[in-house]
């Protein structure tokens, strides 16, 4: 499946993981569990999580933490595969 296919699939997904002031460390287990059960997971980065960093940086760090592919970031939302 191409990245383009994954992005199309992700368009209609609901956010199922929210990253707040606890940071990405508080959601790694949940994201890992969800990625085992489904192809794509959409994550929302709340303002409290971002602090001085960008959503792109946080999304990339979270992808590394859970060994997932970052399909795309759009606004404050990221999609993982």
PDB file of N, CA and C in Angstrom:
ATOM      1  N   UNK A   1       0.843  -1.183   0.000  1.00  0.00           N
ATOM      2  CA  UNK A   1       0.000   0.000   0.000  1.00  0.00           C
ATOM      3  C   UNK A   1       0.889   1.247   0.000  1.00  0.00           C
ATOM      4  N   UNK A   2       0.579   2.194  -0.844  1.00  0.00           N
ATOM      5  CA  UNK A   2       1.413   3.392  -0.948  1.00  0.00           C
ATOM      6  C   UNK A   2       1.051   4.409   0.130  1.00  0.00           C
ATOM      7  N   UNK A   3       1.938   5.374   0.337  1.00  0.00           N
ATOM      8  CA  UNK A   3       1.656   6.453   1.285  1.00  0.00           C
ATOM      9  C   UNK A   3       0.392   7.197   0.881  1.00  0.00           C
ATOM     10  N   UNK A   4       0.211   7.354  -0.424  1.00  0.00           N
ATOM     11  CA  UNK A   4      -0.989   8.046  -0.917  1.00  0.00           C
ATOM     12  C   UNK A   4      -2.255   7.293  -0.507  1.00  0.00           C
ATOM     13  N   UNK A   5      -2.236   5.963  -0.644  1.00  0.00           N
ATOM     14  CA  UNK A   5      -3.377   5.138  -0.223  1.00  0.00           C
ATOM     15  C   UNK A   5      -3.632   5.297   1.271  1.00  0.00           C
ATOM     16  N   UNK A   6      -2.543   5.290   2.039  1.00  0.00           N
ATOM     17  CA  UNK A   6      -2.685   5.418   3.494  1.00  0.00           C
ATOM     18  C   UNK A   6      -3.264   6.780   3.864  1.00  0.00           C
ATOM     19  N   UNK A   7      -2.802   7.830   3.188  1.00  0.00           N
ATOM     20  CA  UNK A   7      -3.327   9.176   3.473  1.00  0.00           C
ATOM     21  C   UNK A   7      -4.819   9.259   3.158  1.00  0.00           C
ATOM     22  N   UNK A   8      -5.230   8.624   2.056  1.00  0.00           N
ATOM     23  CA  UNK A   8      -6.657   8.624   1.703  1.00  0.00           C
ATOM     24  C   UNK A   8      -7.466   7.897   2.770  1.00  0.00           C
ATOM     25  N   UNK A   9      -6.948   6.768   3.229  1.00  0.00           N
ATOM     26  CA  UNK A   9      -7.636   6.009   4.276  1.00  0.00           C
ATOM     27  C   UNK A   9      -7.721   6.824   5.559  1.00  0.00           C
ATOM     28  N   UNK A  10      -6.671   7.541   5.879  1.00  0.00           N
ATOM     29  CA  UNK A  10      -6.585   8.280   7.133  1.00  0.00           C
ATOM     30  C   UNK A  10      -7.547   9.455   7.174  1.00  0.00           C
ATOM     31  N   UNK A  11      -7.929   9.942   6.003  1.00  0.00           N
ATOM     32  CA  UNK A  11      -8.765  11.138   5.932  1.00  0.00           C
ATOM     33  C   UNK A  11     -10.025  11.010   6.790  1.00  0.00           C
ATOM     34  N   UNK A  12     -10.671   9.855   6.763  1.00  0.00           N
ATOM     35  CA  UNK A  12     -11.937   9.661   7.473  1.00  0.00           C
ATOM     36  C   UNK A  12     -11.778   9.068   8.872  1.00  0.00           C
ATOM     37  N   UNK A  13     -10.553   8.844   9.285  1.00  0.00           N
ATOM     38  CA  UNK A  13     -10.320   8.279  10.620  1.00  0.00           C
ATOM     39  C   UNK A  13     -10.635   9.287  11.713  1.00  0.00           C
ATOM     40  N   UNK A  14     -11.121   8.769  12.826  1.00  0.00           N
ATOM     41  CA  UNK A  14     -11.275   9.601  14.020  1.00  0.00           C
ATOM     42  C   UNK A  14      -9.988   9.552  14.820  1.00  0.00           C
ATOM     43  N   UNK A  15      -9.724  10.632  15.556  1.00  0.00           N
ATOM     44  CA  UNK A  15      -8.578  10.651  16.471  1.00  0.00           C
ATOM     45  C   UNK A  15      -8.874   9.693  17.615  1.00  0.00           C
ATOM     46  N   UNK A  16      -7.926   8.801  17.918  1.00  0.00           N
ATOM     47  CA  UNK A  16      -8.131   7.851  19.016  1.00  0.00           C
ATOM     48  C   UNK A  16      -7.070   7.983  20.102  1.00  0.00           C
ATOM     49  N   UNK A  17      -6.043   8.810  19.870  1.00  0.00           N
ATOM     50  CA  UNK A  17      -5.011   9.054  20.880  1.00  0.00           C
ATOM     51  C   UNK A  17      -4.788  10.563  20.953  1.00  0.00           C
ATOM     52  N   UNK A  18      -4.801  11.081  22.189  1.00  0.00           N
ATOM     53  CA  UNK A  18      -4.551  12.504  22.401  1.00  0.00           C
ATOM     54  C   UNK A  18      -3.304  12.658  23.252  1.00  0.00           C
ATOM     55  N   UNK A  19      -2.380  13.508  22.807  1.00  0.00           N
ATOM     56  CA  UNK A  19      -1.159  13.785  23.551  1.00  0.00           C
ATOM     57  C   UNK A  19      -1.347  15.140  24.232  1.00  0.00           C
ATOM     58  N   UNK A  20      -1.309  15.125  25.568  1.00  0.00           N
ATOM     59  CA  UNK A  20      -1.502  16.347  26.343  1.00  0.00           C
ATOM     60  C   UNK A  20      -0.245  16.726  27.086  1.00  0.00           C
ATOM     61  N   UNK A  21      -0.436  17.327  28.273  1.00  0.00           N
ATOM     62  CA  UNK A  21       0.726  17.839  29.004  1.00  0.00           C
ATOM     63  C   UNK A  21       1.633  16.728  29.521  1.00  0.00           C
ATOM     64  N   UNK A  22       1.146  15.484  29.529  1.00  0.00           N
ATOM     65  CA  UNK A  22       1.981  14.359  29.931  1.00  0.00           C
ATOM     66  C   UNK A  22       3.038  14.014  28.893  1.00  0.00           C
ATOM     67  N   UNK A  23       2.884  14.572  27.685  1.00  0.00           N
ATOM     68  CA  UNK A  23       3.858  14.339  26.619  1.00  0.00           C
ATOM     69  C   UNK A  23       3.683  12.991  25.955  1.00  0.00           C
ATOM     70  N   UNK A  24       4.605  12.708  25.025  1.00  0.00           N
ATOM     71  CA  UNK A  24       4.464  11.485  24.229  1.00  0.00           C
ATOM     72  C   UNK A  24       4.713  10.224  25.056  1.00  0.00           C
ATOM     73  N   UNK A  25       5.502  10.343  26.124  1.00  0.00           N
ATOM     74  CA  UNK A  25       5.779   9.170  26.955  1.00  0.00           C
ATOM     75  C   UNK A  25       4.534   8.555  27.555  1.00  0.00           C
ATOM     76  N   UNK A  26       3.512   9.385  27.783  1.00  0.00           N
ATOM     77  CA  UNK A  26       2.299   8.884  28.426  1.00  0.00           C
ATOM     78  C   UNK A  26       1.363   8.158  27.457  1.00  0.00           C
ATOM     79  N   UNK A  27       1.654   8.194  26.157  1.00  0.00           N
ATOM     80  CA  UNK A  27       0.753   7.554  25.184  1.00  0.00           C
ATOM     81  C   UNK A  27       1.422   6.452  24.370  1.00  0.00           C
ATOM     82  N   UNK A  28       2.704   6.191  24.598  1.00  0.00           N
ATOM     83  CA  UNK A  28       3.393   5.204  23.756  1.00  0.00           C
ATOM     84  C   UNK A  28       2.766   3.815  23.860  1.00  0.00           C
ATOM     85  N   UNK A  29       2.409   3.378  25.068  1.00  0.00           N
ATOM     86  CA  UNK A  29       1.804   2.052  25.213  1.00  0.00           C
ATOM     87  C   UNK A  29       0.464   1.981  24.494  1.00  0.00           C
ATOM     88  N   UNK A  30      -0.350   3.024  24.678  1.00  0.00           N
ATOM     89  CA  UNK A  30      -1.666   3.049  24.034  1.00  0.00           C
ATOM     90  C   UNK A  30      -1.533   3.031  22.517  1.00  0.00           C
ATOM     91  N   UNK A  31      -0.636   3.827  21.979  1.00  0.00           N
ATOM     92  CA  UNK A  31      -0.451   3.865  20.528  1.00  0.00           C
ATOM     93  C   UNK A  31       0.049   2.521  20.015  1.00  0.00           C
ATOM     94  N   UNK A  32       0.984   1.923  20.708  1.00  0.00           N
ATOM     95  CA  UNK A  32       1.491   0.600  20.304  1.00  0.00           C
ATOM     96  C   UNK A  32       0.367  -0.422  20.258  1.00  0.00           C
ATOM     97  N   UNK A  33      -0.478  -0.416  21.301  1.00  0.00           N
ATOM     98  CA  UNK A  33      -1.603  -1.347  21.352  1.00  0.00           C
ATOM     99  C   UNK A  33      -2.550  -1.131  20.178  1.00  0.00           C
ATOM    100  N   UNK A  34      -2.868   0.123  19.900  1.00  0.00           N
ATOM    101  CA  UNK A  34      -3.801   0.407  18.805  1.00  0.00           C
ATOM    102  C   UNK A  34      -3.211   0.023  17.453  1.00  0.00           C
ATOM    103  N   UNK A  35      -1.905   0.240  17.272  1.00  0.00           N
ATOM    104  CA  UNK A  35      -1.276  -0.113  16.000  1.00  0.00           C
ATOM    105  C   UNK A  35      -1.243  -1.625  15.780  1.00  0.00           C
ATOM    106  N   UNK A  36      -1.248  -2.400  16.865  1.00  0.00           N
ATOM    107  CA  UNK A  36      -1.318  -3.856  16.731  1.00  0.00           C
ATOM    108  C   UNK A  36      -2.693  -4.271  16.213  1.00  0.00           C
ATOM    109  N   UNK A  37      -3.726  -3.516  16.582  1.00  0.00           N
ATOM    110  CA  UNK A  37      -5.105  -3.876  16.238  1.00  0.00           C
ATOM    111  C   UNK A  37      -5.585  -3.316  14.908  1.00  0.00           C
ATOM    112  N   UNK A  38      -4.939  -2.253  14.419  1.00  0.00           N
ATOM    113  CA  UNK A  38      -5.411  -1.639  13.170  1.00  0.00           C
ATOM    114  C   UNK A  38      -4.248  -1.081  12.371  1.00  0.00           C
ATOM    115  N   UNK A  39      -4.511  -0.829  11.095  1.00  0.00           N
ATOM    116  CA  UNK A  39      -3.474  -0.339  10.176  1.00  0.00           C
ATOM    117  C   UNK A  39      -3.037   1.081  10.484  1.00  0.00           C
ATOM    118  N   UNK A  40      -4.006   1.944  10.747  1.00  0.00           N
ATOM    119  CA  UNK A  40      -3.721   3.366  10.908  1.00  0.00           C
ATOM    120  C   UNK A  40      -4.291   3.893  12.215  1.00  0.00           C
ATOM    121  N   UNK A  41      -3.544   4.796  12.842  1.00  0.00           N
ATOM    122  CA  UNK A  41      -4.017   5.446  14.067  1.00  0.00           C
ATOM    123  C   UNK A  41      -3.761   6.938  13.922  1.00  0.00           C
ATOM    124  N   UNK A  42      -4.784   7.716  14.257  1.00  0.00           N
ATOM    125  CA  UNK A  42      -4.675   9.174  14.183  1.00  0.00           C
ATOM    126  C   UNK A  42      -4.475   9.722  15.597  1.00  0.00           C
ATOM    127  N   UNK A  43      -3.464  10.589  15.737  1.00  0.00           N
ATOM    128  CA  UNK A  43      -3.083  11.144  17.034  1.00  0.00           C
ATOM    129  C   UNK A  43      -3.183  12.660  16.974  1.00  0.00           C
ATOM    130  N   UNK A  44      -3.783  13.240  18.010  1.00  0.00           N
ATOM    131  CA  UNK A  44      -3.908  14.705  18.102  1.00  0.00           C
ATOM    132  C   UNK A  44      -2.946  15.205  19.178  1.00  0.00           C
ATOM    133  N   UNK A  45      -2.159  16.218  18.825  1.00  0.00           N
ATOM    134  CA  UNK A  45      -1.225  16.831  19.768  1.00  0.00           C
ATOM    135  C   UNK A  45      -1.846  18.120  20.295  1.00  0.00           C
ATOM    136  N   UNK A  46      -2.246  18.106  21.559  1.00  0.00           N
ATOM    137  CA  UNK A  46      -2.863  19.274  22.165  1.00  0.00           C
ATOM    138  C   UNK A  46      -1.810  20.342  22.450  1.00  0.00           C
ATOM    139  N   UNK A  47      -2.258  21.571  22.600  1.00  0.00           N
ATOM    140  CA  UNK A  47      -1.331  22.686  22.804  1.00  0.00           C
ATOM    141  C   UNK A  47      -0.407  22.443  24.000  1.00  0.00           C
ATOM    142  N   UNK A  48      -0.937  21.858  25.066  1.00  0.00           N
ATOM    143  CA  UNK A  48      -0.128  21.607  26.269  1.00  0.00           C
ATOM    144  C   UNK A  48       1.053  20.695  25.988  1.00  0.00           C
ATOM    145  N   UNK A  49       0.919  19.805  25.008  1.00  0.00           N
ATOM    146  CA  UNK A  49       1.990  18.860  24.683  1.00  0.00           C
ATOM    147  C   UNK A  49       3.088  19.530  23.874  1.00  0.00           C
ATOM    148  N   UNK A  50       2.722  20.523  23.098  1.00  0.00           N
ATOM    149  CA  UNK A  50       3.675  21.089  22.146  1.00  0.00           C
ATOM    150  C   UNK A  50       4.730  21.956  22.819  1.00  0.00           C
ATOM    151  N   UNK A  51       4.358  22.750  23.796  1.00  0.00           N
ATOM    152  CA  UNK A  51       5.352  23.598  24.456  1.00  0.00           C
ATOM    153  C   UNK A  51       6.148  24.370  23.427  1.00  0.00           C
ATOM    154  N   UNK A  52       7.463  24.205  23.422  1.00  0.00           N
ATOM    155  CA  UNK A  52       8.305  24.934  22.489  1.00  0.00           C
ATOM    156  C   UNK A  52       8.636  24.164  21.224  1.00  0.00           C
ATOM    157  N   UNK A  53       8.006  23.011  21.029  1.00  0.00           N
ATOM    158  CA  UNK A  53       8.319  22.195  19.858  1.00  0.00           C
ATOM    159  C   UNK A  53       7.169  22.255  18.855  1.00  0.00           C
ATOM    160  N   UNK A  54       7.404  21.711  17.692  1.00  0.00           N
ATOM    161  CA  UNK A  54       6.362  21.673  16.672  1.00  0.00           C
ATOM    162  C   UNK A  54       5.684  20.307  16.685  1.00  0.00           C
ATOM    163  N   UNK A  55       4.519  20.267  16.091  1.00  0.00           N
ATOM    164  CA  UNK A  55       3.814  18.991  15.952  1.00  0.00           C
ATOM    165  C   UNK A  55       4.657  18.012  15.141  1.00  0.00           C
ATOM    166  N   UNK A  56       5.328  18.509  14.101  1.00  0.00           N
ATOM    167  CA  UNK A  56       6.160  17.621  13.272  1.00  0.00           C
ATOM    168  C   UNK A  56       7.252  16.954  14.092  1.00  0.00           C
ATOM    169  N   UNK A  57       7.903  17.729  14.974  1.00  0.00           N
ATOM    170  CA  UNK A  57       8.971  17.168  15.812  1.00  0.00           C
ATOM    171  C   UNK A  57       8.417  16.134  16.780  1.00  0.00           C
ATOM    172  N   UNK A  58       7.317  16.470  17.439  1.00  0.00           N
ATOM    173  CA  UNK A  58       6.706  15.531  18.381  1.00  0.00           C
ATOM    174  C   UNK A  58       6.243  14.264  17.674  1.00  0.00           C
ATOM    175  N   UNK A  59       5.644  14.434  16.497  1.00  0.00           N
ATOM    176  CA  UNK A  59       5.136  13.284  15.745  1.00  0.00           C
ATOM    177  C   UNK A  59       6.279  12.349  15.356  1.00  0.00           C
ATOM    178  N   UNK A  60       7.395  12.916  14.930  1.00  0.00           N
ATOM    179  CA  UNK A  60       8.555  12.105  14.556  1.00  0.00           C
ATOM    180  C   UNK A  60       9.124  11.389  15.777  1.00  0.00           C
ATOM    181  N   UNK A  61       9.207  12.087  16.912  1.00  0.00           N
ATOM    182  CA  UNK A  61       9.705  11.463  18.136  1.00  0.00           C
ATOM    183  C   UNK A  61       8.810  10.308  18.567  1.00  0.00           C
ATOM    184  N   UNK A  62       7.505  10.518  18.486  1.00  0.00           N
ATOM    185  CA  UNK A  62       6.567   9.466  18.875  1.00  0.00           C
ATOM    186  C   UNK A  62       6.684   8.269  17.934  1.00  0.00           C
ATOM    187  N   UNK A  63       6.856   8.510  16.656  1.00  0.00           N
ATOM    188  CA  UNK A  63       7.037   7.414  15.695  1.00  0.00           C
ATOM    189  C   UNK A  63       8.263   6.579  16.070  1.00  0.00           C
ATOM    190  N   UNK A  64       9.355   7.255  16.435  1.00  0.00           N
ATOM    191  CA  UNK A  64      10.566   6.545  16.849  1.00  0.00           C
ATOM    192  C   UNK A  64      10.313   5.714  18.104  1.00  0.00           C
ATOM    193  N   UNK A  65       9.595   6.288  19.059  1.00  0.00           N
ATOM    194  CA  UNK A  65       9.323   5.608  20.335  1.00  0.00           C
ATOM    195  C   UNK A  65       8.575   4.295  20.140  1.00  0.00           C
ATOM    196  N   UNK A  66       7.629   4.274  19.217  1.00  0.00           N
ATOM    197  CA  UNK A  66       6.799   3.078  19.034  1.00  0.00           C
ATOM    198  C   UNK A  66       7.176   2.277  17.791  1.00  0.00           C
ATOM    199  N   UNK A  67       8.265   2.671  17.132  1.00  0.00           N
ATOM    200  CA  UNK A  67       8.722   1.998  15.911  1.00  0.00           C
ATOM    201  C   UNK A  67       7.615   1.910  14.861  1.00  0.00           C
ATOM    202  N   UNK A  68       6.962   3.041  14.640  1.00  0.00           N
ATOM    203  CA  UNK A  68       5.881   3.108  13.652  1.00  0.00           C
ATOM    204  C   UNK A  68       6.306   4.021  12.509  1.00  0.00           C
ATOM    205  N   UNK A  69       5.588   3.903  11.397  1.00  0.00           N
ATOM    206  CA  UNK A  69       5.798   4.812  10.271  1.00  0.00           C
ATOM    207  C   UNK A  69       4.883   6.007  10.445  1.00  0.00           C
ATOM    208  N   UNK A  70       5.447   7.188  10.311  1.00  0.00           N
ATOM    209  CA  UNK A  70       4.652   8.410  10.329  1.00  0.00           C
ATOM    210  C   UNK A  70       4.158   8.644   8.900  1.00  0.00           C
ATOM    211  N   UNK A  71       2.853   8.496   8.688  1.00  0.00           N
ATOM    212  CA  UNK A  71       2.285   8.631   7.348  1.00  0.00           C
ATOM    213  C   UNK A  71       2.213  10.100   6.955  1.00  0.00           C
ATOM    214  N   UNK A  72       1.691  10.932   7.864  1.00  0.00           N
ATOM    215  CA  UNK A  72       1.611  12.362   7.582  1.00  0.00           C
ATOM    216  C   UNK A  72       1.302  13.132   8.854  1.00  0.00           C
ATOM    217  N   UNK A  73       1.626  14.417   8.832  1.00  0.00           N
ATOM    218  CA  UNK A  73       1.131  15.333   9.856  1.00  0.00           C
ATOM    219  C   UNK A  73       0.355  16.409   9.128  1.00  0.00           C
ATOM    220  N   UNK A  74      -0.725  16.812   9.738  1.00  0.00           N
ATOM    221  CA  UNK A  74      -1.540  17.899   9.177  1.00  0.00           C
ATOM    222  C   UNK A  74      -2.079  18.690  10.352  1.00  0.00           C
ATOM    223  N   UNK A  75      -1.699  19.947  10.420  1.00  0.00           N
ATOM    224  CA  UNK A  75      -2.114  20.750  11.570  1.00  0.00           C
ATOM    225  C   UNK A  75      -1.493  20.176  12.823  1.00  0.00           C
ATOM    226  N   UNK A  76      -2.303  19.868  13.809  1.00  0.00           N
ATOM    227  CA  UNK A  76      -1.818  19.290  15.059  1.00  0.00           C
ATOM    228  C   UNK A  76      -2.140  17.809  15.177  1.00  0.00           C
ATOM    229  N   UNK A  77      -2.328  17.182  14.025  1.00  0.00           N
ATOM    230  CA  UNK A  77      -2.695  15.775  13.983  1.00  0.00           C
ATOM    231  C   UNK A  77      -1.667  14.984  13.169  1.00  0.00           C
ATOM    232  N   UNK A  78      -1.389  13.773  13.631  1.00  0.00           N
ATOM    233  CA  UNK A  78      -0.461  12.889  12.918  1.00  0.00           C
ATOM    234  C   UNK A  78      -1.136  11.544  12.701  1.00  0.00           C
ATOM    235  N   UNK A  79      -0.723  10.878  11.627  1.00  0.00           N
ATOM    236  CA  UNK A  79      -1.247   9.554  11.325  1.00  0.00           C
ATOM    237  C   UNK A  79      -0.077   8.576  11.296  1.00  0.00           C
ATOM    238  N   UNK A  80      -0.251   7.458  11.996  1.00  0.00           N
ATOM    239  CA  UNK A  80       0.790   6.427  12.117  1.00  0.00           C
ATOM    240  C   UNK A  80       0.333   5.128  11.499  1.00  0.00           C
ATOM    241  N   UNK A  81       1.325   4.380  10.985  1.00  0.00           N
ATOM    242  CA  UNK A  81       1.070   3.076  10.365  1.00  0.00           C
ATOM    243  C   UNK A  81       2.061   2.088  10.953  1.00  0.00           C
TER     244      UNK A  81
END
